[in-house]
Amino acid sequence: MKEIREPQVAGMFYPSDPKELETQIKGYLNGIKINENLNHVAGIVSPHAGYIYSGKTAAYAYKTIEKEKYNNVIVISPSHREYFHGVSIYSGDAYRTPLGDIPINNSLREKIISENSLIFAGREGHGVEHALEVQLPFLQILLSNFQLIPMVIGDQRKEFIFELADVLYKNIDENTLLVASSDLSHFYSKTHANILDSRVVNYINDFNYHELQSDLESKRCEACGGGGIVALLKALKMKNYKNSKVIAHTDSGDVTGDDSEVVGYLSAVIYN
């Protein structure tokens, strides 16, 4: 009997009805235009708030893979509710959303965990975590016949993040997409949030994962999935990808009209 990770935030972070969910995502994608020609996309950074707040921002990142094909997608998520050492890859057979089941690439998972003791197969971090789950319907709408490696980071210290980057580097190819799930600063005024979040934006645009990790650790900027962004940037830089670009940067105040305490979001793309 297959072990399926059931959706936990359908009906809260995004619609639980498949048709409504598909309509909403396609509406976001069709409502934006990216003027630049971003080819050979290897990685994206996408926010993970409820779609009403960050769905349109996320769509900018996903719009860049409309014409791409991938055999594997590795989604890297922070753990919001559970602390553990290392990185947990879901030990079951599939992740389920209202749009259907996404199979786990068991052979790739086994290869990855065999290479580093900090990365393991388990359920840690996967129980009620929303940051990974909310990425999946976008992928299902845009891609077909892909397999998933769902990673949740339990500890975002440099030693874990850089080890993860090295393992990713060894196990990705041109048929693999990396997705880092992250929001930015939380509950500052719009003005102060923009100061903090602009540091993250600039580091991504500069492909500067070293300084991003340093500033995240020293609290000079904030990103709840910052470790995933760093790992993605480091792995793809080692793969000789040249271009890293933030293509959307917003916050919750743009939707609610309340700028007193906002949450920041961005979409970014790494490509050649």
Protein backbone atom coordinates (compact mmCIF):
# COMPACT_ATOMS: atom_id res chain seq x y z
CA MET A 1 0.00 0.00 0.00
CA LYS A 2 1.37 3.38 -1.01
CA GLU A 3 2.14 6.02 1.59
CA ILE A 4 0.66 9.34 0.47
CA ARG A 5 1.24 12.69 2.09
CA GLU A 6 -2.26 14.20 2.10
CA PRO A 7 -2.82 17.95 1.54
CA GLN A 8 -2.88 19.90 4.80
CA VAL A 9 -3.65 23.48 3.77
CA ALA A 10 -6.07 23.01 0.84
CA GLY A 11 -9.07 25.20 1.54
CA MET A 12 -6.92 27.54 3.62
CA PHE A 13 -3.85 28.62 1.68
CA TYR A 14 -5.36 27.72 -1.69
CA PRO A 15 -8.69 26.37 -2.99
CA SER A 16 -9.57 22.75 -2.23
CA ASP A 17 -11.78 22.43 -5.32
CA PRO A 18 -9.64 21.27 -8.27
CA LYS A 19 -11.42 23.37 -10.88
CA GLU A 20 -11.33 26.49 -8.72
CA LEU A 21 -7.65 25.88 -7.96
CA GLU A 22 -6.76 25.44 -11.63
CA THR A 23 -8.74 28.53 -12.59
CA GLN A 24 -7.02 30.63 -9.92
CA ILE A 25 -3.49 29.57 -10.89
CA LYS A 26 -4.11 30.00 -14.62
CA GLY A 27 -5.61 33.40 -13.88
CA TYR A 28 -2.41 34.46 -12.11
CA LEU A 29 -0.23 33.12 -14.92
CA ASN A 30 -2.31 34.65 -17.71
CA GLY A 31 -2.50 37.99 -15.92
CA ILE A 32 1.23 38.70 -16.01
CA LYS A 33 3.82 39.17 -18.71
CA ILE A 34 7.58 38.75 -18.49
CA ASN A 35 9.26 40.78 -21.19
CA GLU A 36 12.68 39.19 -20.87
CA ASN A 37 13.68 35.96 -22.59
CA LEU A 38 14.65 33.70 -19.70
CA ASN A 39 15.79 30.40 -21.18
CA HIS A 40 17.17 27.21 -19.62
CA VAL A 41 15.69 27.90 -16.18
CA ALA A 42 17.35 25.70 -13.57
CA GLY A 43 16.00 27.22 -10.36
CA ILE A 44 13.29 29.48 -9.03
CA VAL A 45 12.53 31.12 -5.70
CA SER A 46 8.84 31.41 -4.83
CA PRO A 47 6.89 32.67 -1.80
CA HIS A 48 4.62 30.43 0.26
CA ALA A 49 1.89 32.54 1.84
CA GLY A 50 -1.78 32.01 1.04
CA TYR A 51 -2.39 32.51 -2.66
CA ILE A 52 -4.53 35.58 -1.99
CA TYR A 53 -1.42 37.29 -0.62
CA SER A 54 1.48 35.86 -2.64
CA GLY A 55 -0.03 33.82 -5.46
CA LYS A 56 0.45 36.50 -8.10
CA THR A 57 4.05 37.06 -6.98
CA ALA A 58 4.72 33.31 -7.14
CA ALA A 59 3.25 33.21 -10.63
CA TYR A 60 6.11 35.36 -11.93
CA ALA A 61 8.63 32.65 -11.04
CA TYR A 62 6.45 29.87 -12.40
CA LYS A 63 5.68 31.79 -15.58
CA THR A 64 9.35 31.37 -16.55
CA ILE A 65 9.00 27.57 -16.78
CA GLU A 66 5.90 27.55 -19.03
CA LYS A 67 7.86 26.20 -21.98
CA GLU A 68 10.35 24.10 -20.02
CA LYS A 69 10.30 20.35 -19.36
CA TYR A 70 11.79 18.60 -16.36
CA ASN A 71 11.98 14.99 -15.26
CA ASN A 72 12.56 15.91 -11.61
CA VAL A 73 11.63 18.83 -9.39
CA ILE A 74 13.39 19.31 -6.05
CA VAL A 75 11.39 21.58 -3.76
CA ILE A 76 13.36 22.93 -0.79
CA SER A 77 11.26 24.16 2.11
CA PRO A 78 11.90 25.50 5.61
CA SER A 79 10.30 23.81 8.59
CA HIS A 80 8.01 26.24 10.39
CA ARG A 81 6.74 24.03 13.19
CA GLU A 82 9.30 21.30 13.79
CA TYR A 83 13.00 21.53 14.59
CA PHE A 84 15.37 18.73 13.66
CA HIS A 85 18.96 18.35 12.51
CA GLY A 86 19.62 18.17 8.81
CA VAL A 87 17.31 17.83 5.83
CA SER A 88 14.32 15.50 5.59
CA ILE A 89 13.17 14.01 2.27
CA TYR A 90 9.68 12.57 2.55
CA SER A 91 9.95 8.80 2.98
CA GLY A 92 6.61 7.97 1.36
CA ASP A 93 5.56 7.41 -2.24
CA ALA A 94 3.75 10.61 -3.26
CA TYR A 95 2.53 14.07 -2.31
CA ARG A 96 -1.17 14.70 -2.95
CA THR A 97 -2.92 17.95 -3.82
CA PRO A 98 -6.49 18.53 -5.07
CA LEU A 99 -5.01 18.23 -8.59
CA GLY A 100 -3.75 14.68 -8.00
CA ASP A 101 -0.70 12.78 -6.77
CA ILE A 102 2.93 13.64 -7.54
CA PRO A 103 5.18 10.57 -7.34
CA ILE A 104 8.40 10.72 -5.36
CA ASN A 105 11.55 9.74 -7.26
CA ASN A 106 12.56 6.93 -4.93
CA SER A 107 15.82 6.06 -6.70
CA LEU A 108 17.04 9.67 -6.66
CA ARG A 109 16.03 10.01 -3.01
CA GLU A 110 18.05 6.92 -2.11
CA LYS A 111 21.05 8.19 -4.05
CA ILE A 112 20.93 11.57 -2.31
CA ILE A 113 20.60 10.20 1.22
CA SER A 114 23.41 7.71 0.61
CA GLU A 115 25.82 10.57 -0.07
CA ASN A 116 25.39 12.61 3.11
CA SER A 117 24.32 11.65 6.63
CA LEU A 118 22.74 15.08 7.19
CA ILE A 119 20.09 14.31 4.57
CA PHE A 120 17.69 11.49 5.42
CA ALA A 121 14.39 9.94 4.42
CA GLY A 122 11.65 10.50 6.98
CA ARG A 123 8.42 12.25 7.87
CA GLU A 124 10.09 14.98 9.92
CA GLY A 125 8.95 18.39 8.74
CA HIS A 126 6.38 17.04 6.30
CA GLY A 127 3.37 16.64 8.58
CA VAL A 128 1.62 20.01 8.42
CA GLU A 129 4.25 22.09 6.61
CA HIS A 130 2.63 24.52 4.17
CA ALA A 131 5.73 26.02 2.54
CA LEU A 132 6.41 22.97 0.37
CA GLU A 133 2.79 22.07 -0.33
CA VAL A 134 1.74 25.43 -1.77
CA GLN A 135 4.36 25.16 -4.54
CA LEU A 136 2.98 21.91 -5.89
CA PRO A 137 -0.27 23.01 -7.61
CA PHE A 138 1.69 25.54 -9.70
CA LEU A 139 4.04 22.76 -10.79
CA GLN A 140 1.12 20.45 -11.61
CA ILE A 141 -0.52 23.07 -13.79
CA LEU A 142 2.66 23.82 -15.73
CA LEU A 143 4.47 20.49 -15.93
CA SER A 144 3.53 16.93 -16.78
CA ASN A 145 5.09 13.59 -15.91
CA PHE A 146 7.60 14.90 -13.41
CA GLN A 147 8.78 13.27 -10.21
CA LEU A 148 9.29 15.06 -6.91
CA ILE A 149 12.01 15.27 -4.30
CA PRO A 150 10.35 17.12 -1.37
CA MET A 151 13.00 18.45 1.02
CA VAL A 152 12.36 20.16 4.34
CA ILE A 153 15.27 21.82 6.15
CA GLY A 154 15.15 21.38 9.91
CA ASP A 155 18.24 23.49 10.71
CA GLN A 156 19.34 26.37 8.48
CA ARG A 157 22.82 26.85 9.87
CA LYS A 158 25.59 27.27 7.32
CA GLU A 159 27.05 23.81 7.86
CA PHE A 160 23.77 22.15 6.85
CA ILE A 161 23.01 24.53 3.99
CA PHE A 162 26.40 24.27 2.31
CA GLU A 163 26.38 20.48 2.65
CA LEU A 164 22.95 20.45 1.03
CA ALA A 165 24.20 22.63 -1.83
CA ASP A 166 27.07 20.24 -2.49
CA VAL A 167 24.70 17.25 -2.63
CA LEU A 168 22.33 19.12 -4.96
CA TYR A 169 25.22 20.01 -7.23
CA LYS A 170 26.13 16.33 -7.59
CA ASN A 171 22.56 15.20 -8.29
CA ILE A 172 21.01 17.74 -10.65
CA ASP A 173 21.17 17.95 -14.42
CA GLU A 174 19.51 19.95 -17.18
CA ASN A 175 16.30 17.97 -16.62
CA THR A 176 16.03 19.00 -12.96
CA LEU A 177 14.31 22.10 -11.56
CA LEU A 178 15.20 23.43 -8.11
CA VAL A 179 12.50 25.37 -6.24
CA ALA A 180 13.32 27.28 -3.04
CA SER A 181 10.22 28.18 -1.03
CA SER A 182 10.63 31.34 1.05
CA ASP A 183 8.92 34.46 2.29
CA LEU A 184 10.92 37.48 3.45
CA SER A 185 10.67 39.63 6.60
CA HIS A 186 7.58 39.41 8.81
CA PHE A 187 5.52 42.09 10.53
CA TYR A 188 7.62 45.22 10.10
CA SER A 189 6.35 48.47 8.64
CA LYS A 190 6.45 48.55 4.85
CA THR A 191 9.34 51.01 4.93
CA HIS A 192 11.48 48.94 7.28
CA ALA A 193 10.55 45.67 5.56
CA ASN A 194 11.69 47.09 2.24
CA ILE A 195 15.10 47.94 3.73
CA LEU A 196 15.54 44.39 5.04
CA ASP A 197 14.10 42.66 1.99
CA SER A 198 16.09 44.72 -0.49
CA ARG A 199 19.24 43.15 0.92
CA VAL A 200 17.93 39.71 -0.04
CA VAL A 201 16.90 40.99 -3.46
CA ASN A 202 20.35 42.47 -4.08
CA TYR A 203 22.18 39.32 -2.97
CA ILE A 204 20.08 37.16 -5.29
CA ASN A 205 20.63 39.56 -8.19
CA ASP A 206 24.37 39.47 -7.47
CA PHE A 207 24.36 35.64 -7.17
CA ASN A 208 26.05 36.24 -3.80
CA TYR A 209 25.09 33.32 -1.60
CA HIS A 210 27.99 33.81 0.83
CA GLU A 211 26.88 37.29 1.92
CA LEU A 212 23.23 36.26 1.93
CA GLN A 213 23.96 33.42 4.36
CA SER A 214 26.09 35.74 6.50
CA ASP A 215 23.40 38.43 6.71
CA LEU A 216 20.68 35.89 7.45
CA GLU A 217 22.73 34.57 10.36
CA SER A 218 23.49 38.05 11.68
CA LYS A 219 19.82 39.12 11.25
CA ARG A 220 20.69 41.95 8.87
CA CYS A 221 17.97 40.52 6.66
CA GLU A 222 15.26 37.88 7.03
CA ALA A 223 13.87 35.06 4.92
CA CYS A 224 12.19 32.07 6.55
CA GLY A 225 13.39 29.86 3.70
CA GLY A 226 16.69 31.66 3.30
CA GLY A 227 18.69 28.46 3.69
CA GLY A 228 16.94 26.99 0.68
CA ILE A 229 17.72 30.08 -1.38
CA VAL A 230 21.39 29.88 -0.39
CA ALA A 231 21.60 26.16 -1.21
CA LEU A 232 19.93 26.71 -4.58
CA LEU A 233 22.25 29.59 -5.50
CA LYS A 234 25.40 27.76 -4.40
CA ALA A 235 24.50 24.55 -6.25
CA LEU A 236 23.64 26.33 -9.48
CA LYS A 237 26.68 28.60 -9.33
CA MET A 238 28.84 25.48 -9.10
CA LYS A 239 26.94 24.21 -12.15
CA ASN A 240 28.13 27.36 -13.97
CA TYR A 241 24.78 29.07 -14.22
CA LYS A 242 25.44 32.76 -14.82
CA ASN A 243 22.19 34.63 -14.30
CA SER A 244 20.19 35.16 -11.11
CA LYS A 245 17.37 37.69 -11.15
CA VAL A 246 14.51 38.80 -8.91
CA ILE A 247 11.53 39.38 -11.21
CA ALA A 248 8.89 40.34 -8.63
CA HIS A 249 9.08 41.85 -5.14
CA THR A 250 5.93 42.65 -3.17
CA ASP A 251 4.49 42.48 0.33
CA SER A 252 1.17 41.71 1.98
CA GLY A 253 0.34 45.40 2.25
CA ASP A 254 -0.02 45.54 -1.52
CA VAL A 255 -3.04 43.27 -1.11
CA THR A 256 -4.48 44.30 2.27
CA GLY A 257 -3.72 48.02 2.10
CA ASP A 258 -2.28 47.81 5.63
CA ASP A 259 1.37 48.86 5.57
CA SER A 260 1.90 48.84 9.35
CA GLU A 261 2.95 45.16 9.59
CA VAL A 262 3.71 43.44 6.33
CA VAL A 263 5.19 40.15 5.11
CA GLY A 264 7.58 40.37 2.18
CA TYR A 265 7.57 38.17 -0.93
CA LEU A 266 9.72 37.75 -4.02
CA SER A 267 10.04 35.61 -7.11
CA ALA A 268 13.44 34.92 -8.62
CA VAL A 269 14.83 32.86 -11.48
CA ILE A 270 18.26 31.33 -12.13
CA TYR A 271 18.92 30.66 -15.81
CA ASN A 272 21.43 30.62 -18.65
